[in-house]
Amino acid sequence: MGEALIMTAIGLAVAVPAVLGYNWLVRRNKVTMDSVRGFAADVHGVLMGAKQAR
């Protein structure tokens, strides 16, 4: 019984930082992708504006 409790504590000690790290990486990826989408929209606007000006 004691061994099971120790293994559960070790499992939680490993799982909690892993979940926090995963959530941090997912959030960082979302922020980066929003930045890339904004840049792509700006480039698209410039290219489409250049076609209409000609």
Protein backbone atom coordinates (compact mmCIF):
# COMPACT_ATOMS: atom_id res chain seq x y z
CA MET A 1 0.00 0.00 0.00
CA GLY A 2 2.79 2.42 0.87
CA GLU A 3 4.61 1.68 -2.37
CA ALA A 4 1.50 2.57 -4.38
CA LEU A 5 1.23 5.92 -2.63
CA ILE A 6 4.90 6.66 -3.27
CA MET A 7 4.55 5.77 -6.95
CA THR A 8 1.44 7.97 -7.21
CA ALA A 9 3.34 10.89 -5.70
CA ILE A 10 6.21 10.34 -8.13
CA GLY A 11 3.76 10.15 -11.03
CA LEU A 12 2.16 13.42 -10.01
CA ALA A 13 5.57 15.03 -9.57
CA VAL A 14 6.34 14.13 -13.18
CA ALA A 15 2.91 14.78 -14.69
CA VAL A 16 2.23 18.26 -13.30
CA PRO A 17 5.37 19.93 -14.75
CA ALA A 18 4.79 18.08 -18.04
CA VAL A 19 1.25 19.47 -18.34
CA LEU A 20 2.42 22.97 -17.42
CA GLY A 21 5.20 22.79 -20.00
CA TYR A 22 2.82 21.51 -22.65
CA ASN A 23 0.34 24.33 -21.99
CA TRP A 24 3.16 26.89 -22.15
CA LEU A 25 4.33 25.54 -25.51
CA VAL A 26 0.80 25.49 -26.93
CA ARG A 27 0.22 29.08 -25.84
CA ARG A 28 3.56 30.21 -27.31
CA ASN A 29 2.69 28.47 -30.59
CA LYS A 30 -0.71 30.21 -30.75
CA VAL A 31 0.87 33.61 -30.18
CA THR A 32 3.49 32.95 -32.86
CA MET A 33 0.90 31.74 -35.36
CA ASP A 34 -1.21 34.86 -34.76
CA SER A 35 1.85 36.95 -35.53
CA VAL A 36 2.54 34.97 -38.70
CA ARG A 37 -1.10 35.31 -39.82
CA GLY A 38 -0.95 39.06 -39.28
CA PHE A 39 2.24 39.31 -41.30
CA ALA A 40 0.72 37.20 -44.08
CA ALA A 41 -2.34 39.47 -44.15
CA ASP A 42 -0.09 42.53 -44.42
CA VAL A 43 1.91 40.98 -47.27
CA HIS A 44 -1.30 39.97 -49.03
CA GLY A 45 -2.64 43.51 -48.70
CA VAL A 46 0.54 45.00 -50.14
CA LEU A 47 0.58 42.58 -53.06
CA MET A 48 -3.10 43.06 -53.85
CA GLY A 49 -2.73 46.85 -53.56
CA ALA A 50 0.23 46.78 -55.95
CA LYS A 51 -1.82 44.85 -58.55
CA GLN A 52 -4.70 47.34 -58.39
CA ALA A 53 -2.41 50.38 -58.70
CA ARG A 54 -1.05 49.19 -62.05
